[in-house]
N, C-alpha and C. Protein backbone atom coordinates (compact mmCIF):
# COMPACT_ATOMS: atom_id res chain seq x y z
N ASN A 1 16.02 29.33 16.26
CA ASN A 1 15.59 27.51 16.29
C ASN A 1 15.82 26.43 14.92
N HIS A 2 15.19 25.90 15.34
CA HIS A 2 14.61 24.32 13.93
C HIS A 2 13.84 24.80 13.43
N GLU A 3 12.07 25.06 15.02
CA GLU A 3 11.01 25.46 13.61
C GLU A 3 10.99 26.96 12.44
N SER A 4 11.56 27.67 13.12
CA SER A 4 12.46 28.68 11.86
C SER A 4 12.85 28.31 11.22
N LEU A 5 13.87 27.98 10.51
CA LEU A 5 14.43 27.80 9.86
C LEU A 5 14.08 26.92 9.18
N ARG A 6 13.32 25.59 9.53
CA ARG A 6 12.47 25.26 8.58
C ARG A 6 11.86 25.71 7.82
N HIS A 7 10.52 26.51 8.02
CA HIS A 7 10.49 27.70 7.87
C HIS A 7 10.32 28.38 6.97
N MET A 8 11.98 29.11 7.48
CA MET A 8 12.36 29.63 6.18
C MET A 8 13.11 29.26 5.07
N ARG A 9 13.05 28.14 5.64
CA ARG A 9 13.48 27.07 4.17
C ARG A 9 12.37 27.17 3.04
N THR A 10 11.45 26.03 3.61
CA THR A 10 10.00 26.56 2.79
C THR A 10 9.82 27.62 1.72
N ALA A 11 9.82 28.51 2.89
CA ALA A 11 9.52 29.99 2.17
C ALA A 11 10.52 30.71 1.07
N VAL A 12 11.57 30.00 0.75
CA VAL A 12 12.75 30.40 0.60
C VAL A 12 12.41 29.19 -0.59
N ALA A 13 12.72 28.41 -0.08
CA ALA A 13 12.03 26.98 -1.95
C ALA A 13 11.27 27.66 -2.32
N LYS A 14 10.16 27.92 -1.87
CA LYS A 14 8.56 29.06 -2.91
C LYS A 14 9.14 30.09 -3.62
N VAL A 15 10.02 30.56 -3.20
CA VAL A 15 10.16 32.36 -3.38
C VAL A 15 11.41 31.63 -5.03
N ALA A 16 12.47 30.57 -4.54
CA ALA A 16 12.97 30.36 -5.85
C ALA A 16 12.03 29.16 -7.16
N SER A 17 11.12 29.02 -6.46
CA SER A 17 10.27 27.49 -7.85
C SER A 17 11.72 26.38 -7.23
N VAL A 18 11.74 26.31 -6.21
CA VAL A 18 13.19 25.06 -5.94
C VAL A 18 11.59 23.96 -5.19
N PRO A 19 12.08 22.58 -5.70
CA PRO A 19 11.60 22.00 -4.46
C PRO A 19 11.70 22.06 -3.88
N ASP A 20 10.26 21.25 -2.39
CA ASP A 20 11.05 21.36 -1.00
C ASP A 20 11.34 20.70 -0.41
N THR A 21 12.80 19.84 -0.21
CA THR A 21 13.22 18.90 0.64
C THR A 21 13.18 18.66 1.63
N VAL A 22 13.33 17.60 1.90
CA VAL A 22 12.92 16.67 3.34
C VAL A 22 14.24 17.42 4.22
N ASP A 23 13.87 17.91 5.44
CA ASP A 23 14.26 18.74 6.73
C ASP A 23 15.49 17.29 7.08
N ASP A 24 16.06 17.18 7.43
CA ASP A 24 17.42 15.72 8.45
C ASP A 24 17.49 16.95 9.53
N GLY A 25 18.08 18.55 9.43
CA GLY A 25 18.35 18.91 10.21
C GLY A 25 19.71 18.82 10.60
N ALA A 26 20.21 18.91 8.96
CA ALA A 26 21.83 18.92 8.91
C ALA A 26 22.12 20.45 8.95
N TYR A 27 22.75 21.48 10.27
CA TYR A 27 21.95 22.86 9.60
C TYR A 27 23.92 23.66 9.77
N GLY A 28 24.83 22.69 10.18
CA GLY A 28 26.50 22.82 10.76
C GLY A 28 27.09 23.31 9.59
N GLY A 29 28.56 24.29 9.96
CA GLY A 29 29.55 24.25 9.33
C GLY A 29 29.32 25.31 7.60
N PHE A 30 28.32 25.30 8.05
CA PHE A 30 28.15 27.13 6.97
C PHE A 30 27.97 28.75 7.86
N GLY A 31 29.16 28.72 8.29
CA GLY A 31 29.21 29.53 9.23
C GLY A 31 27.96 30.47 10.34
N LYS A 32 28.23 31.09 11.02
CA LYS A 32 27.63 32.07 11.73
C LYS A 32 27.10 33.16 11.48
N PRO A 33 25.88 33.88 11.91
CA PRO A 33 26.12 35.02 11.60
C PRO A 33 26.58 36.04 12.80
N ASP A 34 27.25 36.83 12.15
CA ASP A 34 28.19 37.50 13.78
C ASP A 34 27.44 38.87 13.85
N GLY A 35 26.75 39.33 13.27
CA GLY A 35 26.06 40.95 13.40
C GLY A 35 26.88 41.72 12.30
N ILE A 36 27.37 41.69 12.28
CA ILE A 36 28.25 42.97 11.33
C ILE A 36 28.46 42.54 10.11
N HIS A 37 29.15 41.49 10.15
CA HIS A 37 29.14 41.13 8.22
C HIS A 37 28.46 40.26 7.09
N ASP A 38 27.99 40.71 6.11
CA ASP A 38 26.79 39.16 5.33
C ASP A 38 27.75 38.24 5.76
N MET A 39 26.85 37.18 5.73
CA MET A 39 27.42 36.04 5.74
C MET A 39 27.48 35.81 4.38
N GLU A 40 28.66 35.16 3.49
CA GLU A 40 28.77 35.14 2.19
C GLU A 40 27.42 33.84 1.41
N ASN A 41 27.55 33.34 1.91
CA ASN A 41 26.15 32.81 1.71
C ASN A 41 25.19 32.26 2.74
N PRO A 42 24.05 33.34 2.62
CA PRO A 42 23.60 33.47 4.15
C PRO A 42 22.33 31.99 3.76
N LEU A 43 21.53 31.29 3.38
CA LEU A 43 21.45 30.39 2.99
C LEU A 43 21.87 29.28 1.93
N GLY A 44 23.19 28.94 2.16
CA GLY A 44 24.52 28.10 2.60
C GLY A 44 23.82 26.29 2.88
N GLU A 45 23.33 26.76 3.94
CA GLU A 45 23.03 25.75 5.01
C GLU A 45 22.11 24.93 4.95
N PHE A 46 20.50 25.04 3.69
CA PHE A 46 19.80 25.14 3.06
C PHE A 46 19.44 23.90 1.87
N ALA A 47 21.26 24.17 1.39
CA ALA A 47 21.10 23.57 0.23
C ALA A 47 20.49 22.61 0.15
N ASP A 48 20.45 21.39 0.78
CA ASP A 48 19.75 20.13 0.67
C ASP A 48 18.52 20.66 1.14
N TYR A 49 17.45 21.80 1.60
CA TYR A 49 15.96 22.18 1.49
C TYR A 49 15.61 22.93 0.61
N VAL A 50 16.62 24.15 -0.42
CA VAL A 50 16.24 25.20 -0.97
C VAL A 50 16.92 24.94 -2.38
N GLY A 51 18.00 23.80 -2.65
CA GLY A 51 18.62 23.50 -3.93
C GLY A 51 19.79 24.93 -3.71
N GLU A 52 20.71 24.24 -4.84
CA GLU A 52 21.91 24.97 -5.07
C GLU A 52 22.18 26.15 -5.41
N GLU A 53 20.77 26.34 -6.38
CA GLU A 53 21.26 28.06 -6.64
C GLU A 53 21.01 28.92 -5.64
N VAL A 54 19.90 28.09 -4.69
CA VAL A 54 19.30 29.42 -3.63
C VAL A 54 20.85 28.83 -2.98
N ALA A 55 21.02 28.50 -2.80
CA ALA A 55 22.38 28.08 -1.60
C ALA A 55 23.49 29.06 -1.59
N ALA A 56 23.44 29.27 -3.12
CA ALA A 56 24.75 30.19 -3.17
C ALA A 56 24.04 31.19 -3.58
N TRP A 57 23.02 31.83 -3.33
CA TRP A 57 22.66 33.52 -3.41
C TRP A 57 23.47 34.22 -2.39
N SER A 58 23.96 35.30 -2.93
CA SER A 58 24.47 36.23 -1.90
C SER A 58 23.11 36.88 -1.20
N CYS A 59 23.80 37.45 -0.05
CA CYS A 59 23.02 38.47 0.46
C CYS A 59 21.91 39.00 -0.10
N HIS A 60 22.02 40.02 -0.89
CA HIS A 60 21.83 40.81 -1.72
C HIS A 60 20.24 39.97 -2.75
N GLU A 61 21.50 38.84 -3.31
CA GLU A 61 19.98 38.52 -4.35
C GLU A 61 18.79 38.24 -3.54
N TRP A 62 18.93 37.67 -2.40
CA TRP A 62 18.16 36.99 -1.26
C TRP A 62 17.37 37.75 -0.93
N ALA A 63 17.73 39.50 -0.78
CA ALA A 63 17.47 40.21 0.00
C ALA A 63 16.59 41.14 -0.79
N LYS A 64 17.00 40.87 -2.40
CA LYS A 64 16.30 41.83 -3.57
C LYS A 64 14.38 41.24 -3.58
N THR A 65 14.43 39.78 -3.71
CA THR A 65 13.66 39.22 -3.35
C THR A 65 11.94 39.51 -2.80
N TYR A 66 12.65 40.70 -1.75
CA TYR A 66 11.15 40.92 -0.74
C TYR A 66 10.98 42.47 -1.86
N GLY A 67 12.04 43.19 -2.44
CA GLY A 67 11.74 44.15 -2.97
C GLY A 67 13.14 45.03 -3.04
N GLU A 68 13.30 46.09 -3.64
CA GLU A 68 14.36 47.09 -3.37
C GLU A 68 14.06 47.64 -2.05
N GLU A 69 12.88 48.42 -2.24
CA GLU A 69 12.88 49.39 -0.82
C GLU A 69 12.88 48.41 0.19
N THR A 70 13.11 47.08 0.29
CA THR A 70 12.81 46.40 1.67
C THR A 70 13.91 46.55 1.62
N ILE A 71 15.18 46.62 1.34
CA ILE A 71 16.73 46.24 1.44
C ILE A 71 17.24 48.11 1.70
N LYS A 72 16.43 48.88 1.21
CA LYS A 72 16.80 50.68 1.70
C LYS A 72 16.78 51.04 3.21
N GLN A 73 15.12 50.35 3.64
CA GLN A 73 14.64 50.82 4.55
C GLN A 73 15.47 49.74 5.89
N GLY A 74 16.11 48.54 5.62
CA GLY A 74 16.87 47.85 6.48
C GLY A 74 16.72 46.61 6.66
N CYS A 75 15.58 46.00 5.65
CA CYS A 75 15.07 44.87 5.61
C CYS A 75 13.74 44.72 6.57
N PRO A 76 13.08 45.45 6.94
CA PRO A 76 12.78 44.80 8.06
C PRO A 76 11.26 43.89 7.62
N ALA A 77 11.17 43.69 8.84
CA ALA A 77 10.38 42.89 8.63
C ALA A 77 8.55 42.81 8.02
N SER A 78 8.91 43.99 8.87
CA SER A 78 7.27 44.88 7.85
C SER A 78 7.24 45.16 6.64
N LEU A 79 7.96 45.42 6.18
CA LEU A 79 7.84 45.36 4.50
C LEU A 79 8.23 43.74 4.33
N ILE A 80 9.23 42.85 4.61
CA ILE A 80 9.31 41.66 3.90
C ILE A 80 8.03 40.58 3.80
N LEU A 81 6.98 41.13 5.15
CA LEU A 81 6.16 40.36 5.12
C LEU A 81 4.49 40.55 4.09
N ARG A 82 5.23 42.09 3.94
CA ARG A 82 3.60 42.49 2.57
C ARG A 82 4.29 42.06 1.10
N SER A 83 5.21 41.42 0.86
CA SER A 83 6.15 40.92 0.01
C SER A 83 5.37 40.16 -0.59
N PRO A 84 5.18 40.00 -1.77
CA PRO A 84 4.08 38.40 -2.29
C PRO A 84 5.10 37.94 -2.48
N ASN A 85 6.86 37.33 -2.30
CA ASN A 85 7.57 36.53 -2.04
C ASN A 85 7.62 36.09 -1.10
N CYS A 86 6.96 36.65 0.16
CA CYS A 86 6.87 36.23 1.02
C CYS A 86 5.58 35.15 2.17
N LYS A 87 5.64 34.05 1.37
CA LYS A 87 4.26 33.76 1.58
C LYS A 87 4.11 33.15 3.14
N GLU A 88 3.30 32.10 3.22
CA GLU A 88 2.83 31.84 4.67
C GLU A 88 3.63 30.88 5.24
N ASP A 89 4.83 30.04 4.97
CA ASP A 89 5.66 29.75 5.49
C ASP A 89 6.70 30.85 6.18
N CYS A 90 7.12 31.81 5.31
CA CYS A 90 7.40 32.87 4.98
C CYS A 90 7.15 33.68 5.83
N GLN A 91 6.11 33.94 6.23
CA GLN A 91 5.47 35.28 7.42
C GLN A 91 5.56 33.64 8.71
N ASN A 92 5.35 33.07 8.86
CA ASN A 92 5.67 32.65 10.32
C ASN A 92 7.21 32.45 10.94
N ALA A 93 7.83 31.93 9.56
CA ALA A 93 9.29 32.54 9.99
C ALA A 93 9.92 33.58 10.73
N LEU A 94 8.87 34.49 9.78
CA LEU A 94 9.45 36.06 10.48
C LEU A 94 8.49 36.33 11.23
N LYS A 95 7.61 36.12 12.05
CA LYS A 95 6.83 35.70 13.25
C LYS A 95 8.07 35.25 14.28
N ASP A 96 8.49 34.04 14.05
CA ASP A 96 9.04 33.56 15.23
C ASP A 96 10.70 34.28 15.33
N ASP A 97 11.08 35.02 14.03
CA ASP A 97 12.54 35.76 14.06
C ASP A 97 12.52 36.73 13.31
N PRO A 98 12.02 37.59 13.90
CA PRO A 98 11.72 38.88 12.31
C PRO A 98 13.21 39.29 12.11
N LEU A 99 14.36 39.01 12.75
CA LEU A 99 15.24 39.83 12.33
C LEU A 99 16.53 38.69 11.45
N PHE A 100 15.85 37.95 10.94
CA PHE A 100 16.21 36.41 10.41
C PHE A 100 17.06 36.90 8.85
N LEU A 101 16.45 37.71 8.02
CA LEU A 101 17.43 38.01 6.86
C LEU A 101 19.04 39.14 7.56
N ARG A 102 17.52 39.86 7.84
CA ARG A 102 18.69 40.89 8.95
C ARG A 102 20.35 40.15 9.29
N GLY A 103 19.85 39.15 10.14
CA GLY A 103 20.89 38.84 11.32
C GLY A 103 22.09 38.43 10.61
N ARG A 104 21.67 37.90 9.46
CA ARG A 104 22.50 36.77 8.06
C ARG A 104 23.32 38.27 7.17
N CYS A 105 22.50 39.21 7.71
CA CYS A 105 22.93 40.19 6.33
C CYS A 105 22.98 41.38 6.33
N PRO A 106 23.64 41.54 8.09
CA PRO A 106 24.03 43.10 8.44
C PRO A 106 24.19 44.18 7.32
N GLU A 107 25.45 43.73 6.38
CA GLU A 107 26.23 44.94 5.30
C GLU A 107 24.72 45.41 4.56
N THR A 108 24.52 44.01 3.87
CA THR A 108 23.03 44.62 2.83
C THR A 108 21.79 45.78 3.46
N CYS A 109 21.81 44.90 4.31
CA CYS A 109 20.32 45.34 4.94
C CYS A 109 20.23 47.23 5.48
N GLY A 110 21.89 47.09 6.67
CA GLY A 110 22.40 48.58 6.69
C GLY A 110 21.42 49.02 7.47
N ASP A 111 21.51 50.55 8.17
CA ASP A 111 20.56 51.17 9.62
C ASP A 111 19.04 50.96 8.59
N MET A 112 18.44 49.99 9.52
CA MET A 112 16.98 49.32 9.91
C MET A 112 16.44 50.83 9.74
N LYS A 113 15.22 51.61 9.29
CA LYS A 113 14.55 52.72 9.85
C LYS A 113 14.02 52.01 10.40
N GLN A 114 12.41 50.68 10.30
CA GLN A 114 11.85 50.97 11.14
C GLN A 114 12.08 49.69 11.37
N PRO A 115 11.58 48.58 12.78
CA PRO A 115 11.59 47.34 12.69
C PRO A 115 10.61 46.23 12.08
């Protein structure tokens, strides 16, 4: 949902130390998660919000900001929420959609050990 995406964009901007940009609601054109394959640029649709560098991140680059153990455990929200890189907006986004990262990056996240 739009509110979850706004929270996640803000969180990613903070992790990447880029300015938070205006939310114009433009989300189209970057493919949709299919639940099987990693999206090529899972944050690509948020380029205006997080900047071009972060928008170009691969799933692994994005997931590793929350720690390698997060990836090893299947990207559970419980570990992401404990990461020092998951600030207030990230926390809010994951409460709205605990599978946000995993849904965009199922190959990177692999089998989730615990939700």
